[in-house]
Amino acid sequence: MSATRRNILANTAARDAFISGVKLLKQEDSGTTTSDFGIPGAARPVSTYDLFLIWHHRSMNQETPPGNPSGRNAAHRGPVFPAWHRVMLLLLEANLQRVLTDSNFGLPYWDWAADGDQPAASQPASAVWDPSCMGGSGTPVPDGPFAFVATDPASWRVRIEVGPAGNLRSANRGLRRRLAAPPPAGVRTLPTTAHQAAAIDIAEYDSPDWDSDTEGFRNRVEGWVGDPSGGPGLHNRVHVWVGGDMSPATSPNDPVFYLNHCNVDRLWEAWLVKHGRTYVPDMTAGTDLKGHRINDAIASPLSATTATPGEVLDVYANYSYDVLPS
């Protein structure tokens, strides 16, 4: 039986299981230390949860090819963006199923476009930011399951962060968010259902030069083009709107990262249903696109098993969504 991924605001069981599961992974020793990943200072245990943010940070700093002026890296600004994050979500979901002892658990998603359809002043008051869900905005987050309590070592703590030079370093602090901060640091509004519908309608998946300037569904959903404001769109806009720890390459420090990417994956699934389970570029593309071609492996420090974009175009055996956008 495959899992069903549900709207976190429409299913309290999925919400509560997600919160419990990520907290369990945050406390679970992965058997590795910060020294294993070249993080300076005394060696500290790395949790299973924090392996994911190390993976994400490393991928964002792996340019494809090295020195590419477009900024294309192993997970972003190129064709592999949806597939890379789909593999990440599948691995997180499998680990959550393990610690929750529930093989039917499905990651919940945050339908941020439904919030984006509301007036700007109402968007930070969405129920997703209630203490019973993700908690609110602050430095540190003041309430909810991911609030920082200095006297409680089991409270949610950022253990690995990005230093001034862009390298990883050890930390011991609370989670940070700045919902709807004003420009230039933030943006005032979330994407809307009209924005996501326009992306899903695009028939072409991606196109040369396979970077953040090209037209196509991938670039539109990632958020480099297509927003009427001229600012970041869709996925990127959500990161900027949430702010705080959602901004740097270690954005998985905030569990909201996964709610955002599960929704992005839902949009990709809607696109695949509408336009066919296709992907470009194929393996005839040059080695400068290695990592972004259909049969290139997406490697992870969490598992010896790798997947390719072609292998995750149809994941119905693993999961489905309760509702797909149109």
Protein backbone atom coordinates (compact mmCIF):
# COMPACT_ATOMS: atom_id res chain seq x y z
CA MET A 1 0.00 0.00 0.00
CA SER A 2 1.34 3.45 -0.88
CA ALA A 3 1.21 6.44 1.44
CA THR A 4 -1.12 9.36 0.92
CA ARG A 5 0.30 12.85 1.31
CA ARG A 6 -2.26 15.24 2.75
CA ASN A 7 -2.76 18.95 3.42
CA ILE A 8 -1.28 19.64 6.86
CA LEU A 9 -4.14 22.03 7.67
CA ALA A 10 -6.81 19.47 6.77
CA ASN A 11 -5.48 16.42 8.60
CA THR A 12 -4.43 16.68 12.25
CA ALA A 13 -3.16 13.08 12.33
CA ALA A 14 -0.69 13.77 9.51
CA ARG A 15 0.32 17.05 11.17
CA ASP A 16 0.95 15.48 14.57
CA ALA A 17 2.80 12.49 13.11
CA PHE A 18 5.06 14.77 11.06
CA ILE A 19 5.91 16.86 14.12
CA SER A 20 6.60 13.78 16.24
CA GLY A 21 8.65 12.14 13.53
CA VAL A 22 10.97 15.04 12.76
CA LYS A 23 11.58 15.55 16.48
CA LEU A 24 12.53 11.89 16.80
CA LEU A 25 14.94 12.17 13.86
CA LYS A 26 16.39 15.35 15.39
CA GLN A 27 17.25 13.40 18.56
CA GLU A 28 18.49 10.28 16.77
CA ASP A 29 22.27 9.83 16.54
CA SER A 30 23.20 9.03 12.94
CA GLY A 31 26.52 7.49 13.94
CA THR A 32 28.47 10.33 12.29
CA THR A 33 30.06 13.43 13.78
CA THR A 34 30.65 16.98 12.61
CA SER A 35 34.30 16.04 12.00
CA ASP A 36 33.20 13.50 9.40
CA PHE A 37 31.84 16.40 7.34
CA GLY A 38 34.76 18.76 7.87
CA ILE A 39 32.85 21.02 10.25
CA PRO A 40 35.44 22.74 12.46
CA GLY A 41 35.62 22.50 16.24
CA ALA A 42 35.18 19.61 18.61
CA ALA A 43 33.50 16.57 17.08
CA ARG A 44 29.78 16.50 17.88
CA PRO A 45 27.22 13.83 17.03
CA VAL A 46 25.14 14.57 13.92
CA SER A 47 21.48 13.63 14.10
CA THR A 48 19.71 11.78 11.32
CA TYR A 49 17.64 14.93 10.73
CA ASP A 50 20.75 17.08 10.34
CA LEU A 51 22.21 14.73 7.72
CA PHE A 52 19.54 16.06 5.38
CA LEU A 53 20.57 19.69 5.81
CA ILE A 54 24.27 18.79 5.31
CA TRP A 55 23.27 17.03 2.08
CA HIS A 56 21.28 20.05 0.93
CA HIS A 57 24.09 22.48 1.74
CA ARG A 58 26.68 20.36 -0.03
CA SER A 59 24.51 20.04 -3.14
CA MET A 60 23.94 23.79 -3.30
CA ASN A 61 27.72 24.28 -3.23
CA GLN A 62 28.42 21.70 -5.94
CA GLU A 63 28.35 23.73 -9.17
CA THR A 64 27.55 21.86 -12.38
CA PRO A 65 29.94 22.29 -14.06
CA PRO A 66 32.40 23.95 -11.64
CA GLY A 67 32.53 27.69 -12.22
CA ASN A 68 29.22 27.78 -14.11
CA PRO A 69 28.26 31.50 -14.14
CA SER A 70 24.52 30.63 -14.07
CA GLY A 71 24.89 29.19 -10.56
CA ARG A 72 23.46 25.81 -11.58
CA ASN A 73 24.32 23.30 -8.86
CA ALA A 74 23.64 19.66 -8.06
CA ALA A 75 20.09 20.37 -6.85
CA HIS A 76 18.99 23.81 -8.08
CA ARG A 77 18.91 26.18 -11.06
CA GLY A 78 18.71 23.26 -13.46
CA PRO A 79 16.49 20.42 -14.68
CA VAL A 80 17.10 18.12 -11.71
CA PHE A 81 15.52 20.50 -9.18
CA PRO A 82 12.15 18.69 -8.81
CA ALA A 83 13.67 15.20 -9.05
CA TRP A 84 16.50 15.89 -6.59
CA HIS A 85 14.05 17.14 -3.97
CA ARG A 86 11.66 14.26 -4.72
CA VAL A 87 14.47 11.84 -3.82
CA MET A 88 15.17 13.83 -0.65
CA LEU A 89 11.49 13.72 0.35
CA LEU A 90 11.31 9.98 -0.32
CA LEU A 91 14.30 9.36 1.96
CA LEU A 92 12.90 11.59 4.69
CA GLU A 93 9.49 9.92 4.40
CA ALA A 94 11.11 6.47 4.70
CA ASN A 95 12.98 7.55 7.83
CA LEU A 96 9.82 9.02 9.33
CA GLN A 97 7.94 5.81 8.60
CA ARG A 98 10.72 3.94 10.40
CA VAL A 99 10.79 6.03 13.60
CA LEU A 100 6.99 6.29 13.69
CA THR A 101 6.65 2.53 12.98
CA ASP A 102 4.03 3.41 10.39
CA SER A 103 4.70 2.26 6.83
CA ASN A 104 1.63 4.17 5.63
CA PHE A 105 2.75 7.58 6.88
CA GLY A 106 2.75 10.21 4.15
CA LEU A 107 4.50 13.58 4.34
CA PRO A 108 2.05 16.45 4.66
CA TYR A 109 2.25 19.51 2.43
CA TRP A 110 1.50 23.19 3.01
CA ASP A 111 -0.80 24.59 0.33
CA TRP A 112 0.83 28.01 0.42
CA ALA A 113 -1.09 29.23 -2.63
CA ALA A 114 -4.34 29.00 -0.67
CA ASP A 115 -2.77 31.33 1.90
CA GLY A 116 -1.37 33.49 -0.90
CA ASP A 117 -4.92 34.11 -2.15
CA GLN A 118 -5.72 35.84 1.14
CA PRO A 119 -4.99 39.53 1.86
CA ALA A 120 -1.32 40.18 2.64
CA ALA A 121 -2.03 41.07 6.27
CA SER A 122 -3.85 37.76 6.80
CA GLN A 123 -1.15 35.49 5.40
CA PRO A 124 1.11 35.38 8.51
CA ALA A 125 -2.03 34.56 10.55
CA SER A 126 -2.62 31.28 8.68
CA ALA A 127 -3.29 28.29 10.91
CA VAL A 128 -0.02 26.74 9.74
CA TRP A 129 1.73 29.17 12.12
CA ASP A 130 -0.43 28.29 15.13
CA PRO A 131 1.29 26.79 18.21
CA SER A 132 -0.46 23.49 17.41
CA CYS A 133 1.23 23.37 13.98
CA MET A 134 4.57 24.96 13.01
CA GLY A 135 4.63 27.78 15.55
CA GLY A 136 5.10 31.42 14.70
CA SER A 137 7.66 34.02 13.72
CA GLY A 138 10.59 35.20 15.80
CA THR A 139 14.28 35.00 16.70
CA PRO A 140 13.95 32.43 18.09
CA VAL A 141 10.56 30.98 17.17
CA PRO A 142 8.54 31.74 20.32
CA ASP A 143 5.94 28.98 20.42
CA GLY A 144 4.83 25.65 19.03
CA PRO A 145 6.70 22.34 18.76
CA PHE A 146 9.88 23.94 17.42
CA ALA A 147 10.24 26.69 20.04
CA PHE A 148 13.62 27.06 21.74
CA VAL A 149 13.76 26.44 25.51
CA ALA A 150 17.26 27.14 26.80
CA THR A 151 16.84 24.87 29.85
CA ASP A 152 15.43 21.97 27.83
CA PRO A 153 18.05 20.08 25.79
CA ALA A 154 15.24 18.22 24.00
CA SER A 155 13.75 21.44 22.60
CA TRP A 156 14.34 22.17 18.92
CA ARG A 157 17.88 23.44 18.40
CA VAL A 158 19.81 24.49 15.35
CA ARG A 159 23.00 22.44 15.69
CA ILE A 160 24.57 23.19 12.29
CA GLU A 161 24.41 26.51 10.45
CA VAL A 162 26.14 28.49 7.70
CA GLY A 163 29.01 30.75 8.76
CA PRO A 164 29.94 34.12 7.20
CA ALA A 165 32.13 32.45 4.56
CA GLY A 166 29.34 30.07 3.51
CA ASN A 167 30.86 27.06 5.27
CA LEU A 168 29.12 24.89 7.83
CA ARG A 169 29.77 25.43 11.52
CA SER A 170 28.41 24.06 14.78
CA ALA A 171 25.68 25.98 16.59
CA ASN A 172 23.38 25.71 19.59
CA ARG A 173 20.49 28.11 19.22
CA GLY A 174 16.82 28.42 18.50
CA LEU A 175 15.11 28.33 15.11
CA ARG A 176 14.60 31.68 13.35
CA ARG A 177 11.73 32.90 11.16
CA ARG A 178 10.78 36.32 9.77
CA LEU A 179 7.39 35.83 8.15
CA ALA A 180 6.49 38.43 5.50
CA ALA A 181 9.48 40.67 6.21
CA PRO A 182 9.69 43.75 3.97
CA PRO A 183 12.06 43.91 0.99
CA PRO A 184 14.95 43.71 0.36
CA ALA A 185 15.36 40.96 2.98
CA GLY A 186 11.89 39.49 2.47
CA VAL A 187 8.65 39.64 0.48
CA ARG A 188 5.21 40.59 1.75
CA THR A 189 3.07 37.99 -0.04
CA LEU A 190 3.03 34.31 -0.90
CA PRO A 191 2.41 32.88 -4.39
CA THR A 192 -1.22 32.51 -5.45
CA THR A 193 -3.26 29.75 -7.05
CA ALA A 194 -3.17 31.73 -10.31
CA HIS A 195 0.65 31.71 -10.22
CA GLN A 196 0.84 27.94 -9.73
CA ALA A 197 -1.84 27.25 -12.35
CA ALA A 198 0.15 29.28 -14.89
CA ALA A 199 3.21 27.13 -14.15
CA ILE A 200 1.31 23.84 -14.49
CA ASP A 201 -0.10 24.99 -17.84
CA ILE A 202 3.39 25.33 -19.39
CA ALA A 203 3.83 22.37 -21.74
CA GLU A 204 7.63 22.45 -21.89
CA TYR A 205 9.49 20.99 -18.90
CA ASP A 206 12.84 22.74 -19.42
CA SER A 207 15.04 24.02 -22.24
CA PRO A 208 18.59 25.12 -23.09
CA ASP A 209 20.61 26.66 -21.52
CA TRP A 210 19.14 24.60 -18.65
CA ASP A 211 19.64 27.31 -16.03
CA SER A 212 17.78 30.02 -14.12
CA ASP A 213 17.12 32.14 -17.22
CA THR A 214 15.30 29.59 -19.37
CA GLU A 215 11.54 29.22 -19.75
CA GLY A 216 9.74 26.03 -18.82
CA PHE A 217 7.83 24.46 -15.97
CA ARG A 218 10.95 23.62 -13.95
CA ASN A 219 12.27 27.16 -13.91
CA ARG A 220 8.81 28.58 -13.23
CA VAL A 221 8.09 26.28 -10.29
CA GLU A 222 11.57 26.80 -8.87
CA GLY A 223 10.79 30.51 -8.96
CA TRP A 224 13.46 32.25 -11.01
CA VAL A 225 11.00 33.56 -13.61
CA GLY A 226 7.32 34.29 -13.97
CA ASP A 227 6.25 36.26 -10.90
CA PRO A 228 4.37 39.45 -11.89
CA SER A 229 6.20 41.44 -9.20
CA GLY A 230 9.54 40.73 -10.84
CA GLY A 231 10.66 39.18 -7.57
CA PRO A 232 11.06 35.53 -6.65
CA GLY A 233 8.22 33.20 -7.60
CA LEU A 234 6.63 29.99 -6.30
CA HIS A 235 9.22 27.84 -4.44
CA ASN A 236 11.79 30.63 -4.08
CA ARG A 237 9.17 33.11 -2.94
CA VAL A 238 8.06 30.80 -0.13
CA HIS A 239 11.62 30.49 1.17
CA VAL A 240 12.05 34.27 1.15
CA TRP A 241 8.61 34.91 2.68
CA VAL A 242 9.28 32.57 5.62
CA GLY A 243 12.80 33.97 6.03
CA GLY A 244 15.16 33.31 8.90
CA ASP A 245 16.55 29.78 8.70
CA MET A 246 14.60 29.15 5.49
CA SER A 247 16.90 31.56 3.65
CA PRO A 248 20.40 29.95 3.58
CA ALA A 249 21.56 26.65 2.10
CA THR A 250 20.85 24.98 5.46
CA SER A 251 17.12 25.74 5.05
CA PRO A 252 16.14 22.18 6.13
CA ASN A 253 16.90 23.43 9.66
CA ASP A 254 13.26 24.58 9.56
CA PRO A 255 10.80 21.67 9.20
CA VAL A 256 8.65 24.03 7.10
CA PHE A 257 11.22 23.34 4.36
CA TYR A 258 9.66 19.90 3.85
CA LEU A 259 6.09 21.24 3.81
CA ASN A 260 7.14 23.67 1.09
CA HIS A 261 8.95 21.05 -0.98
CA CYS A 262 6.17 18.52 -0.58
CA ASN A 263 3.85 21.12 -2.11
CA VAL A 264 6.35 21.79 -4.91
CA ASP A 265 6.44 18.04 -5.54
CA ARG A 266 2.63 18.07 -5.64
CA LEU A 267 2.76 20.74 -8.36
CA TRP A 268 5.27 18.66 -10.31
CA GLU A 269 3.00 15.63 -9.99
CA ALA A 270 0.11 17.72 -11.34
CA TRP A 271 2.33 18.75 -14.27
CA LEU A 272 3.34 15.13 -14.94
CA VAL A 273 -0.31 14.03 -14.94
CA LYS A 274 -1.26 16.83 -17.34
CA HIS A 275 1.67 16.71 -19.78
CA GLY A 276 3.07 13.18 -19.49
CA ARG A 277 5.84 11.62 -17.43
CA THR A 278 8.66 13.10 -19.44
CA TYR A 279 12.00 14.66 -18.55
CA VAL A 280 14.80 16.48 -20.33
CA PRO A 281 17.73 16.50 -20.94
CA ASP A 282 18.43 12.90 -21.91
CA MET A 283 21.85 11.24 -21.80
CA THR A 284 22.92 12.75 -25.12
CA ALA A 285 23.48 16.04 -23.29
CA GLY A 286 27.09 16.95 -22.57
CA THR A 287 28.99 16.19 -19.39
CA ASP A 288 28.59 19.84 -18.36
CA LEU A 289 25.05 18.75 -17.44
CA LYS A 290 26.16 15.71 -15.46
CA GLY A 291 23.83 15.33 -12.51
CA HIS A 292 20.89 16.83 -14.40
CA ARG A 293 20.40 14.23 -17.14
CA ILE A 294 17.64 11.65 -16.97
CA ASN A 295 19.83 8.68 -15.94
CA ASP A 296 22.34 10.52 -13.74
CA ALA A 297 22.40 9.27 -10.14
CA ILE A 298 21.22 11.51 -7.31
CA ALA A 299 23.56 10.51 -4.49
CA SER A 300 22.94 10.96 -0.76
CA PRO A 301 25.03 10.64 2.43
CA LEU A 302 22.00 8.95 4.02
CA SER A 303 21.82 5.88 1.81
CA ALA A 304 24.07 3.80 -0.39
CA THR A 305 21.11 3.48 -2.76
CA THR A 306 20.79 6.20 -5.37
CA ALA A 307 17.98 7.16 -7.72
CA THR A 308 17.86 8.94 -11.07
CA PRO A 309 15.35 11.49 -12.38
CA GLY A 310 13.99 8.81 -14.71
CA GLU A 311 13.35 6.46 -11.79
CA VAL A 312 11.21 8.97 -9.87
CA LEU A 313 8.96 10.16 -12.69
CA ASP A 314 6.28 7.73 -11.50
CA VAL A 315 6.11 7.25 -7.72
CA TYR A 316 2.57 5.96 -7.42
CA ALA A 317 3.87 2.76 -5.82
CA ASN A 318 5.33 4.90 -3.02
CA TYR A 319 2.79 7.67 -2.51
CA SER A 320 0.01 9.76 -3.98
CA TYR A 321 -1.57 13.11 -3.08
CA ASP A 322 -5.04 13.57 -1.68
CA VAL A 323 -5.69 16.46 -4.10
CA LEU A 324 -3.71 17.71 -7.08
CA PRO A 325 -3.92 21.36 -8.17
CA SER A 326 -5.08 22.17 -11.68
